C-alpha atoms as a PDB file:
ATOM      1  CA  MET A   1     -86.387  56.394  78.078  1.00  0.00           C
ATOM      2  CA  THR A   2     -86.659  52.940  79.614  1.00  0.00           C
ATOM      3  CA  VAL A   3     -85.316  49.609  78.414  1.00  0.00           C
ATOM      4  CA  ASP A   4     -86.947  46.363  79.514  1.00  0.00           C
ATOM      5  CA  ALA A   5     -83.915  44.091  79.430  1.00  0.00           C
ATOM      6  CA  HIS A   6     -85.757  40.816  79.915  1.00  0.00           C
ATOM      7  CA  HIS A   7     -88.998  39.450  78.522  1.00  0.00           C
ATOM      8  CA  HIS A   8     -90.261  36.454  76.564  1.00  0.00           C
ATOM      9  CA  VAL A   9     -92.863  35.565  73.967  1.00  0.00           C
ATOM     10  CA  TRP A  10     -94.170  32.187  72.819  1.00  0.00           C
ATOM     11  CA  ASP A  11     -96.716  30.673  70.472  1.00  0.00           C
ATOM     12  CA  LEU A  12     -97.893  27.238  71.566  1.00  0.00           C
ATOM     13  CA  SER A  13     -99.092  26.469  68.050  1.00  0.00           C
ATOM     14  CA  VAL A  14     -95.457  26.632  66.910  1.00  0.00           C
ATOM     15  CA  ARG A  15     -94.082  24.461  69.722  1.00  0.00           C
ATOM     16  CA  ASP A  16     -94.873  23.374  73.224  1.00  0.00           C
ATOM     17  CA  GLN A  17     -93.073  25.036  76.096  1.00  0.00           C
ATOM     18  CA  ASP A  18     -92.482  21.913  78.147  1.00  0.00           C
ATOM     19  CA  TRP A  19     -91.393  23.859  81.229  1.00  0.00           C
ATOM     20  CA  LEU A  20     -94.913  25.286  81.475  1.00  0.00           C
ATOM     21  CA  HIS A  21     -96.203  21.900  82.629  1.00  0.00           C
ATOM     22  CA  ALA A  22     -94.562  22.359  86.035  1.00  0.00           C
ATOM     23  CA  PRO A  23     -96.933  22.905  88.988  1.00  0.00           C
ATOM     24  CA  GLY A  24     -98.230  26.423  89.413  1.00  0.00           C
ATOM     25  CA  LEU A  25     -97.581  27.573  85.850  1.00  0.00           C
ATOM     26  CA  GLY A  26    -101.034  26.853  84.438  1.00  0.00           C
ATOM     27  CA  PRO A  27    -101.890  30.543  83.789  1.00  0.00           C
ATOM     28  CA  LEU A  28     -98.894  30.743  81.440  1.00  0.00           C
ATOM     29  CA  ARG A  29    -100.036  27.858  79.229  1.00  0.00           C
ATOM     30  CA  ARG A  30    -101.327  30.107  76.450  1.00  0.00           C
ATOM     31  CA  ASP A  31     -99.823  32.290  73.742  1.00  0.00           C
ATOM     32  CA  PHE A  32     -98.038  35.496  74.726  1.00  0.00           C
ATOM     33  CA  THR A  33     -97.114  37.748  71.810  1.00  0.00           C
ATOM     34  CA  ILE A  34     -95.237  40.972  71.257  1.00  0.00           C
ATOM     35  CA  GLY A  35     -98.612  42.455  70.368  1.00  0.00           C
ATOM     36  CA  ASP A  36     -99.791  41.625  73.890  1.00  0.00           C
ATOM     37  CA  LEU A  37     -96.718  43.159  75.479  1.00  0.00           C
ATOM     38  CA  ALA A  38     -96.291  46.329  73.419  1.00  0.00           C
ATOM     39  CA  PRO A  39     -99.167  48.428  74.827  1.00  0.00           C
ATOM     40  CA  GLU A  40     -98.286  47.508  78.412  1.00  0.00           C
ATOM     41  CA  ALA A  41     -94.608  48.261  77.905  1.00  0.00           C
ATOM     42  CA  ARG A  42     -95.251  51.580  76.202  1.00  0.00           C
ATOM     43  CA  ALA A  43     -97.736  52.596  78.887  1.00  0.00           C
ATOM     44  CA  ALA A  44     -94.877  52.137  81.377  1.00  0.00           C
ATOM     45  CA  GLY A  45     -92.566  54.329  79.297  1.00  0.00           C
ATOM     46  CA  VAL A  46     -90.576  51.429  77.807  1.00  0.00           C
ATOM     47  CA  ASP A  47     -89.351  52.124  74.287  1.00  0.00           C
ATOM     48  CA  ARG A  48     -86.923  49.225  73.749  1.00  0.00           C
ATOM     49  CA  THR A  49     -86.772  45.638  74.965  1.00  0.00           C
ATOM     50  CA  VAL A  50     -84.511  42.596  75.006  1.00  0.00           C
ATOM     51  CA  LEU A  51     -86.290  39.388  74.015  1.00  0.00           C
ATOM     52  CA  VAL A  52     -84.896  36.299  75.753  1.00  0.00           C
ATOM     53  CA  GLN A  53     -85.055  32.632  74.751  1.00  0.00           C
ATOM     54  CA  THR A  54     -87.196  30.098  76.627  1.00  0.00           C
ATOM     55  CA  VAL A  55     -86.439  26.665  75.152  1.00  0.00           C
ATOM     56  CA  THR A  56     -83.242  24.892  74.145  1.00  0.00           C
ATOM     57  CA  VAL A  57     -84.088  24.078  70.530  1.00  0.00           C
ATOM     58  CA  PRO A  58     -82.121  25.482  67.571  1.00  0.00           C
ATOM     59  CA  GLU A  59     -85.230  26.671  65.736  1.00  0.00           C
ATOM     60  CA  GLU A  60     -86.256  29.219  68.356  1.00  0.00           C
ATOM     61  CA  THR A  61     -83.430  31.742  67.969  1.00  0.00           C
ATOM     62  CA  PRO A  62     -83.967  32.354  64.214  1.00  0.00           C
ATOM     63  CA  GLU A  63     -87.667  32.829  64.943  1.00  0.00           C
ATOM     64  CA  LEU A  64     -86.918  35.405  67.639  1.00  0.00           C
ATOM     65  CA  LEU A  65     -84.548  37.257  65.317  1.00  0.00           C
ATOM     66  CA  THR A  66     -87.186  37.399  62.593  1.00  0.00           C
ATOM     67  CA  LEU A  67     -89.704  38.719  65.105  1.00  0.00           C
ATOM     68  CA  ALA A  68     -87.251  41.369  66.289  1.00  0.00           C
ATOM     69  CA  ALA A  69     -86.566  42.487  62.734  1.00  0.00           C
ATOM     70  CA  GLY A  70     -90.258  43.160  62.261  1.00  0.00           C
ATOM     71  CA  HIS A  71     -90.964  45.056  65.474  1.00  0.00           C
ATOM     72  CA  GLU A  72     -89.252  48.287  66.509  1.00  0.00           C
ATOM     73  CA  LEU A  73     -89.817  47.638  70.221  1.00  0.00           C
ATOM     74  CA  ILE A  74     -87.412  44.676  70.251  1.00  0.00           C
ATOM     75  CA  ALA A  75     -83.904  46.119  70.139  1.00  0.00           C
ATOM     76  CA  GLY A  76     -82.044  42.958  71.071  1.00  0.00           C
ATOM     77  CA  VAL A  77     -82.351  39.187  71.325  1.00  0.00           C
ATOM     78  CA  VAL A  78     -80.687  36.769  73.748  1.00  0.00           C
ATOM     79  CA  GLY A  79     -80.913  33.441  71.965  1.00  0.00           C
ATOM     80  CA  TRP A  80     -79.780  29.891  72.489  1.00  0.00           C
ATOM     81  CA  THR A  81     -77.280  27.660  70.794  1.00  0.00           C
ATOM     82  CA  ASP A  82     -75.508  24.542  72.007  1.00  0.00           C
ATOM     83  CA  LEU A  83     -72.293  25.828  73.561  1.00  0.00           C
ATOM     84  CA  THR A  84     -70.811  22.341  73.524  1.00  0.00           C
ATOM     85  CA  ARG A  85     -71.023  21.800  69.750  1.00  0.00           C
ATOM     86  CA  PRO A  86     -67.552  21.772  68.147  1.00  0.00           C
ATOM     87  CA  ASP A  87     -68.597  24.329  65.504  1.00  0.00           C
ATOM     88  CA  VAL A  88     -70.229  26.767  67.899  1.00  0.00           C
ATOM     89  CA  ALA A  89     -68.268  29.718  66.463  1.00  0.00           C
ATOM     90  CA  ASP A  90     -69.567  28.923  62.979  1.00  0.00           C
ATOM     91  CA  GLU A  91     -73.106  28.602  64.302  1.00  0.00           C
ATOM     92  CA  LEU A  92     -72.928  32.010  65.987  1.00  0.00           C
ATOM     93  CA  ALA A  93     -71.709  33.514  62.730  1.00  0.00           C
ATOM     94  CA  ARG A  94     -74.581  31.842  60.859  1.00  0.00           C
ATOM     95  CA  LEU A  95     -77.129  33.280  63.270  1.00  0.00           C
ATOM     96  CA  ARG A  96     -75.693  36.758  62.763  1.00  0.00           C
ATOM     97  CA  GLU A  97     -76.277  36.430  59.010  1.00  0.00           C
ATOM     98  CA  LEU A  98     -79.967  35.526  59.337  1.00  0.00           C
ATOM     99  CA  PRO A  99     -82.797  38.053  58.969  1.00  0.00           C
ATOM    100  CA  GLY A 100     -82.659  40.118  62.144  1.00  0.00           C
ATOM    101  CA  GLY A 101     -79.219  38.709  62.958  1.00  0.00           C
ATOM    102  CA  GLU A 102     -77.855  42.137  63.800  1.00  0.00           C
ATOM    103  CA  ARG A 103     -80.172  42.109  66.808  1.00  0.00           C
ATOM    104  CA  LEU A 104     -78.555  39.007  68.310  1.00  0.00           C
ATOM    105  CA  LYS A 105     -76.881  40.435  71.396  1.00  0.00           C
ATOM    106  CA  GLY A 106     -76.374  37.444  73.678  1.00  0.00           C
ATOM    107  CA  ILE A 107     -76.684  33.727  74.312  1.00  0.00           C
ATOM    108  CA  ARG A 108     -78.337  31.886  77.193  1.00  0.00           C
ATOM    109  CA  HIS A 109     -78.637  28.263  78.282  1.00  0.00           C
ATOM    110  CA  GLN A 110     -80.941  26.836  80.944  1.00  0.00           C
ATOM    111  CA  VAL A 111     -78.084  26.254  83.369  1.00  0.00           C
ATOM    112  CA  GLN A 112     -80.614  26.124  86.215  1.00  0.00           C
ATOM    113  CA  GLY A 113     -81.724  22.733  84.863  1.00  0.00           C
ATOM    114  CA  GLU A 114     -78.237  21.219  84.703  1.00  0.00           C
ATOM    115  CA  PRO A 115     -77.619  18.697  87.499  1.00  0.00           C
ATOM    116  CA  ASP A 116     -73.898  19.488  87.574  1.00  0.00           C
ATOM    117  CA  PRO A 117     -73.450  22.674  89.662  1.00  0.00           C
ATOM    118  CA  ARG A 118     -70.143  23.248  87.853  1.00  0.00           C
ATOM    119  CA  TRP A 119     -71.569  22.843  84.342  1.00  0.00           C
ATOM    120  CA  LEU A 120     -70.269  26.276  83.354  1.00  0.00           C
ATOM    121  CA  LEU A 121     -66.725  25.113  84.097  1.00  0.00           C
ATOM    122  CA  ARG A 122     -66.735  22.060  81.829  1.00  0.00           C
ATOM    123  CA  ALA A 123     -64.070  22.132  79.101  1.00  0.00           C
ATOM    124  CA  ASP A 124     -66.604  21.999  76.269  1.00  0.00           C
ATOM    125  CA  VAL A 125     -68.666  24.796  77.811  1.00  0.00           C
ATOM    126  CA  HIS A 126     -65.484  26.804  78.388  1.00  0.00           C
ATOM    127  CA  ARG A 127     -64.784  26.579  74.658  1.00  0.00           C
ATOM    128  CA  GLY A 128     -68.319  27.711  73.883  1.00  0.00           C
ATOM    129  CA  LEU A 129     -68.126  30.700  76.213  1.00  0.00           C
ATOM    130  CA  ALA A 130     -64.870  31.724  74.543  1.00  0.00           C
ATOM    131  CA  ALA A 131     -66.661  31.629  71.189  1.00  0.00           C
ATOM    132  CA  VAL A 132     -69.458  33.827  72.557  1.00  0.00           C
ATOM    133  CA  ALA A 133     -66.879  36.365  73.717  1.00  0.00           C
ATOM    134  CA  ALA A 134     -65.033  36.252  70.381  1.00  0.00           C
ATOM    135  CA  ALA A 135     -68.315  36.954  68.585  1.00  0.00           C
ATOM    136  CA  GLY A 136     -68.802  40.110  70.633  1.00  0.00           C
ATOM    137  CA  LEU A 137     -71.885  38.732  72.371  1.00  0.00           C
ATOM    138  CA  VAL A 138     -72.755  38.625  76.063  1.00  0.00           C
ATOM    139  CA  TYR A 139     -73.805  35.564  78.056  1.00  0.00           C
ATOM    140  CA  ASP A 140     -76.944  35.558  80.201  1.00  0.00           C
ATOM    141  CA  LEU A 141     -76.881  33.393  83.326  1.00  0.00           C
ATOM    142  CA  VAL A 142     -80.137  31.756  84.385  1.00  0.00           C
ATOM    143  CA  VAL A 143     -78.975  29.901  87.470  1.00  0.00           C
ATOM    144  CA  LEU A 144     -79.966  28.905  90.982  1.00  0.00           C
ATOM    145  CA  PRO A 145     -78.152  30.146  94.092  1.00  0.00           C
ATOM    146  CA  HIS A 146     -76.025  27.010  94.480  1.00  0.00           C
ATOM    147  CA  GLN A 147     -74.622  27.594  90.969  1.00  0.00           C
ATOM    148  CA  LEU A 148     -73.414  31.150  91.636  1.00  0.00           C
ATOM    149  CA  ALA A 149     -69.928  30.025  92.658  1.00  0.00           C
ATOM    150  CA  ALA A 150     -69.428  28.457  89.240  1.00  0.00           C
ATOM    151  CA  CYS A 151     -70.647  31.691  87.645  1.00  0.00           C
ATOM    152  CA  ALA A 152     -67.945  33.644  89.470  1.00  0.00           C
ATOM    153  CA  ALA A 153     -65.312  31.120  88.393  1.00  0.00           C
ATOM    154  CA  ALA A 154     -66.498  31.330  84.781  1.00  0.00           C
ATOM    155  CA  ALA A 155     -66.318  35.123  84.907  1.00  0.00           C
ATOM    156  CA  ALA A 156     -62.740  34.884  86.185  1.00  0.00           C
ATOM    157  CA  ALA A 157     -61.836  32.466  83.389  1.00  0.00           C
ATOM    158  CA  HIS A 158     -63.373  34.648  80.662  1.00  0.00           C
ATOM    159  CA  GLU A 159     -62.367  38.210  81.438  1.00  0.00           C
ATOM    160  CA  GLY A 160     -63.298  39.330  77.937  1.00  0.00           C
ATOM    161  CA  LEU A 161     -66.875  38.081  78.250  1.00  0.00           C
ATOM    162  CA  VAL A 162     -69.669  40.039  79.928  1.00  0.00           C
ATOM    163  CA  LEU A 163     -71.895  37.742  81.986  1.00  0.00           C
ATOM    164  CA  VAL A 164     -75.376  38.970  82.883  1.00  0.00           C
ATOM    165  CA  LEU A 165     -77.069  37.435  85.917  1.00  0.00           C
ATOM    166  CA  ASP A 166     -80.790  37.005  85.297  1.00  0.00           C
ATOM    167  CA  HIS A 167     -83.290  37.408  88.148  1.00  0.00           C
ATOM    168  CA  LEU A 168     -80.586  37.962  90.797  1.00  0.00           C
ATOM    169  CA  GLY A 169     -79.782  34.246  90.610  1.00  0.00           C
ATOM    170  CA  LYS A 170     -83.305  33.315  91.766  1.00  0.00           C
ATOM    171  CA  PRO A 171     -82.890  33.965  95.507  1.00  0.00           C
ATOM    172  CA  PRO A 172     -85.225  32.362  98.061  1.00  0.00           C
ATOM    173  CA  VAL A 173     -87.317  35.495  98.623  1.00  0.00           C
ATOM    174  CA  ALA A 174     -90.346  33.616  99.944  1.00  0.00           C
ATOM    175  CA  SER A 175     -88.345  31.933 102.696  1.00  0.00           C
ATOM    176  CA  GLY A 176     -86.504  35.117 103.618  1.00  0.00           C
ATOM    177  CA  GLY A 177     -82.999  33.702 104.078  1.00  0.00           C
ATOM    178  CA  LEU A 178     -80.456  36.108 102.540  1.00  0.00           C
ATOM    179  CA  GLU A 179     -77.498  33.828 103.170  1.00  0.00           C
ATOM    180  CA  PRO A 180     -75.704  32.085 101.548  1.00  0.00           C
ATOM    181  CA  TRP A 181     -77.163  33.770  98.447  1.00  0.00           C
ATOM    182  CA  ALA A 182     -75.979  37.263  99.381  1.00  0.00           C
ATOM    183  CA  SER A 183     -72.357  36.219  99.870  1.00  0.00           C
ATOM    184  CA  ALA A 184     -72.379  34.305  96.585  1.00  0.00           C
ATOM    185  CA  VAL A 185     -73.831  37.306  94.729  1.00  0.00           C
ATOM    186  CA  ARG A 186     -71.195  39.613  96.191  1.00  0.00           C
ATOM    187  CA  ALA A 187     -68.461  37.206  95.094  1.00  0.00           C
ATOM    188  CA  LEU A 188     -69.868  37.254  91.573  1.00  0.00           C
ATOM    189  CA  ALA A 189     -70.181  41.046  91.577  1.00  0.00           C
ATOM    190  CA  ALA A 190     -66.499  41.292  92.544  1.00  0.00           C
ATOM    191  CA  ARG A 191     -65.727  40.234  88.968  1.00  0.00           C
ATOM    192  CA  PRO A 192     -65.802  43.453  86.894  1.00  0.00           C
ATOM    193  CA  ASN A 193     -67.190  41.677  83.811  1.00  0.00           C
ATOM    194  CA  THR A 194     -70.487  40.817  85.497  1.00  0.00           C
ATOM    195  CA  VAL A 195     -73.851  42.591  85.365  1.00  0.00           C
ATOM    196  CA  CYS A 196     -77.177  41.823  87.083  1.00  0.00           C
ATOM    197  CA  LYS A 197     -80.810  42.192  86.061  1.00  0.00           C
ATOM    198  CA  LEU A 198     -83.247  43.571  88.603  1.00  0.00           C
ATOM    199  CA  SER A 199     -85.891  41.110  87.497  1.00  0.00           C
ATOM    200  CA  GLY A 200     -87.842  38.073  88.572  1.00  0.00           C
ATOM    201  CA  LEU A 201     -88.253  38.979  92.240  1.00  0.00           C
ATOM    202  CA  VAL A 202     -92.048  38.959  92.370  1.00  0.00           C
ATOM    203  CA  THR A 203     -92.231  35.308  91.328  1.00  0.00           C
ATOM    204  CA  GLU A 204     -89.570  34.255  93.836  1.00  0.00           C
ATOM    205  CA  ALA A 205     -91.613  35.889  96.611  1.00  0.00           C
ATOM    206  CA  ASP A 206     -94.971  34.653  97.857  1.00  0.00           C
ATOM    207  CA  ARG A 207     -96.918  35.278  94.666  1.00  0.00           C
ATOM    208  CA  ALA A 208    -100.222  35.940  96.409  1.00  0.00           C
ATOM    209  CA  THR A 209     -99.133  38.155  99.293  1.00  0.00           C
ATOM    210  CA  TRP A 210     -95.838  39.836  98.330  1.00  0.00           C
ATOM    211  CA  ARG A 211     -95.217  43.493  99.068  1.00  0.00           C
ATOM    212  CA  ALA A 212     -92.418  45.763  97.914  1.00  0.00           C
ATOM    213  CA  ALA A 213     -90.949  45.614 101.423  1.00  0.00           C
ATOM    214  CA  ASP A 214     -90.450  41.858 101.004  1.00  0.00           C
ATOM    215  CA  LEU A 215     -88.244  42.489  97.953  1.00  0.00           C
ATOM    216  CA  ARG A 216     -86.186  45.352  99.339  1.00  0.00           C
ATOM    217  CA  PRO A 217     -83.431  43.338 101.115  1.00  0.00           C
ATOM    218  CA  TRP A 218     -82.703  41.454  97.904  1.00  0.00           C
ATOM    219  CA  ALA A 219     -82.778  44.567  95.721  1.00  0.00           C
ATOM    220  CA  ASP A 220     -80.599  46.469  98.188  1.00  0.00           C
ATOM    221  CA  THR A 221     -78.060  43.633  98.180  1.00  0.00           C
ATOM    222  CA  VAL A 222     -77.513  43.774  94.425  1.00  0.00           C
ATOM    223  CA  LEU A 223     -77.607  47.574  94.382  1.00  0.00           C
ATOM    224  CA  ASP A 224     -74.774  47.566  96.902  1.00  0.00           C
ATOM    225  CA  ALA A 225     -72.858  44.742  95.215  1.00  0.00           C
ATOM    226  CA  PHE A 226     -73.115  45.759  91.543  1.00  0.00           C
ATOM    227  CA  GLY A 227     -74.011  49.441  91.692  1.00  0.00           C
ATOM    228  CA  PRO A 228     -76.504  50.994  89.258  1.00  0.00           C
ATOM    229  CA  HIS A 229     -73.910  51.072  86.463  1.00  0.00           C
ATOM    230  CA  ARG A 230     -74.014  47.242  86.445  1.00  0.00           C
ATOM    231  CA  LEU A 231     -77.733  46.782  87.080  1.00  0.00           C
ATOM    232  CA  MET A 232     -80.571  46.799  84.549  1.00  0.00           C
ATOM    233  CA  PHE A 233     -84.334  46.589  84.839  1.00  0.00           C
ATOM    234  CA  GLY A 234     -86.155  43.574  83.408  1.00  0.00           C
ATOM    235  CA  SER A 235     -89.850  42.752  83.665  1.00  0.00           C
ATOM    236  CA  ASP A 236     -89.617  38.991  83.095  1.00  0.00           C
ATOM    237  CA  TRP A 237     -92.972  39.288  81.322  1.00  0.00           C
ATOM    238  CA  PRO A 238     -95.086  37.177  80.979  1.00  0.00           C
ATOM    239  CA  VAL A 239     -93.710  35.026  83.820  1.00  0.00           C
ATOM    240  CA  CYS A 240     -94.179  37.999  86.137  1.00  0.00           C
ATOM    241  CA  THR A 241     -97.946  37.847  85.536  1.00  0.00           C
ATOM    242  CA  LEU A 242     -98.091  34.899  87.920  1.00  0.00           C
ATOM    243  CA  ALA A 243     -97.648  37.480  90.683  1.00  0.00           C
ATOM    244  CA  ALA A 244     -98.087  40.989  89.246  1.00  0.00           C
ATOM    245  CA  THR A 245     -99.060  43.012  86.217  1.00  0.00           C
ATOM    246  CA  TYR A 246     -96.449  44.592  83.988  1.00  0.00           C
ATOM    247  CA  ALA A 247     -97.295  47.999  85.416  1.00  0.00           C
ATOM    248  CA  GLU A 248     -96.900  46.714  88.988  1.00  0.00           C
ATOM    249  CA  VAL A 249     -93.504  45.177  88.253  1.00  0.00           C
ATOM    250  CA  HIS A 250     -92.259  48.379  86.668  1.00  0.00           C
ATOM    251  CA  ALA A 251     -93.629  50.583  89.457  1.00  0.00           C
ATOM    252  CA  THR A 252     -92.144  48.287  92.111  1.00  0.00           C
ATOM    253  CA  ALA A 253     -88.699  48.476  90.515  1.00  0.00           C
ATOM    254  CA  ARG A 254     -88.998  52.255  90.447  1.00  0.00           C
ATOM    255  CA  GLY A 255     -89.977  52.269  94.103  1.00  0.00           C
ATOM    256  CA  LEU A 256     -87.149  49.963  95.162  1.00  0.00           C
ATOM    257  CA  THR A 257     -84.627  52.285  93.513  1.00  0.00           C
ATOM    258  CA  ALA A 258     -86.206  55.590  94.557  1.00  0.00           C
ATOM    259  CA  GLY A 259     -83.181  56.428  96.695  1.00  0.00           C
ATOM    260  CA  LEU A 260     -80.900  56.679  93.665  1.00  0.00           C
ATOM    261  CA  GLY A 261     -80.090  59.964  92.003  1.00  0.00           C
ATOM    262  CA  PRO A 262     -81.425  60.789  88.525  1.00  0.00           C
ATOM    263  CA  ALA A 263     -78.216  59.776  86.750  1.00  0.00           C
ATOM    264  CA  GLU A 264     -78.062  56.445  88.603  1.00  0.00           C
ATOM    265  CA  ARG A 265     -81.709  55.694  87.825  1.00  0.00           C
ATOM    266  CA  ALA A 266     -81.085  56.523  84.165  1.00  0.00           C
ATOM    267  CA  LEU A 267     -78.325  53.910  84.127  1.00  0.00           C
ATOM    268  CA  LEU A 268     -80.427  51.230  85.777  1.00  0.00           C
ATOM    269  CA  PHE A 269     -83.491  51.785  83.616  1.00  0.00           C
ATOM    270  CA  GLU A 270     -81.789  52.537  80.301  1.00  0.00           C
ATOM    271  CA  GLY A 271     -78.049  53.146  80.130  1.00  0.00           C
ATOM    272  CA  THR A 272     -76.686  49.860  81.452  1.00  0.00           C
ATOM    273  CA  ALA A 273     -78.802  47.677  79.175  1.00  0.00           C
ATOM    274  CA  THR A 274     -78.095  49.909  76.179  1.00  0.00           C
ATOM    275  CA  ALA A 275     -74.350  49.709  76.724  1.00  0.00           C
ATOM    276  CA  VAL A 276     -74.081  46.043  77.718  1.00  0.00           C
ATOM    277  CA  TYR A 277     -76.262  44.725  74.896  1.00  0.00           C
ATOM    278  CA  GLY A 278     -75.124  47.308  72.353  1.00  0.00           C
ATOM    279  CA  LEU A 279     -78.675  48.393  71.617  1.00  0.00           C
ATOM    280  CA  GLY A 280     -79.463  50.985  69.008  1.00  0.00           C
ATOM    281  CA  PRO A 281     -81.028  54.322  69.901  1.00  0.00           C
ATOM    282  CA  ALA A 282     -84.687  54.484  70.794  1.00  0.00           C
ATOM    283  CA  PRO A 283     -87.055  55.153  67.903  1.00  0.00           C
ATOM    284  CA  GLY A 284     -86.845  58.840  67.114  1.00  0.00           C
ATOM    285  CA  ALA A 285     -83.719  59.378  69.227  1.00  0.00           C
ATOM    286  CA  PRO A 286     -80.566  60.851  67.640  1.00  0.00           C
ATOM    287  CA  ALA A 287     -78.050  58.307  66.409  1.00  0.00           C
ATOM    288  CA  SER A 288     -75.382  59.846  68.623  1.00  0.00           C
ATOM    289  CA  GLY A 289     -76.988  58.386  71.752  1.00  0.00           C
ATOM    290  CA  HIS A 290     -75.848  55.264  73.640  1.00  0.00           C
ATOM    291  CA  ARG A 291     -74.395  52.524  71.484  1.00  0.00           C
END
């Protein structure tokens, strides 16, 4: 069994994805649906996925939950809500009561777009993160390398909250400079309540010429820092299609982790995501499997 712990969908007839107007993202300016993803994911042996938010509008998360409720492939949703709102705890409870609300597993904010590198440490955000932890949800971190220090400080301040680093913190793969990213990632991994997604590397590399060897130093760094019990595979579909097909991303992740033993690979490709996000068993699997 394989879990894809990170993908997106969007329908441009419902709302614009304003981030898609950035240079180089033209191929993504069309609809991408779960119907598009499902055959590719299943061909790669993926039987459950985690659907992740893309825009910071309150309407999106209920839509994602409804979609998840109607499709057995989507086992979990990482949505968005304004962490700084005074009633954030009430809002999280409301989302859990919506159709598909039982599949809300985490919250994410586009921290990468915040000009303050210490945004995660603001008092109002601190209160919001505490509410996420109290609700039994995890918090996904979409950040840039210079924001990793704040991530580590937030993890230290919220020991009861699991923080999941998306896309390895978007390291500068194309330029090839491991430092200071590697040291910052190791400092984050030193916090036991942190997890990392092996995702997003192909689009941080040179999208036209990348090879698996270009990605190996970055993958090896997080394998060493987090270990397979705190790493999970994510495709980052459809963003990954800027550089690779779904099948190529999955095969590359398998190749980069070929040195692991069977039990370690099972954790990275299924067990970690299942445990961290509290996913249900795969369709047809016994209920006594991973929680």
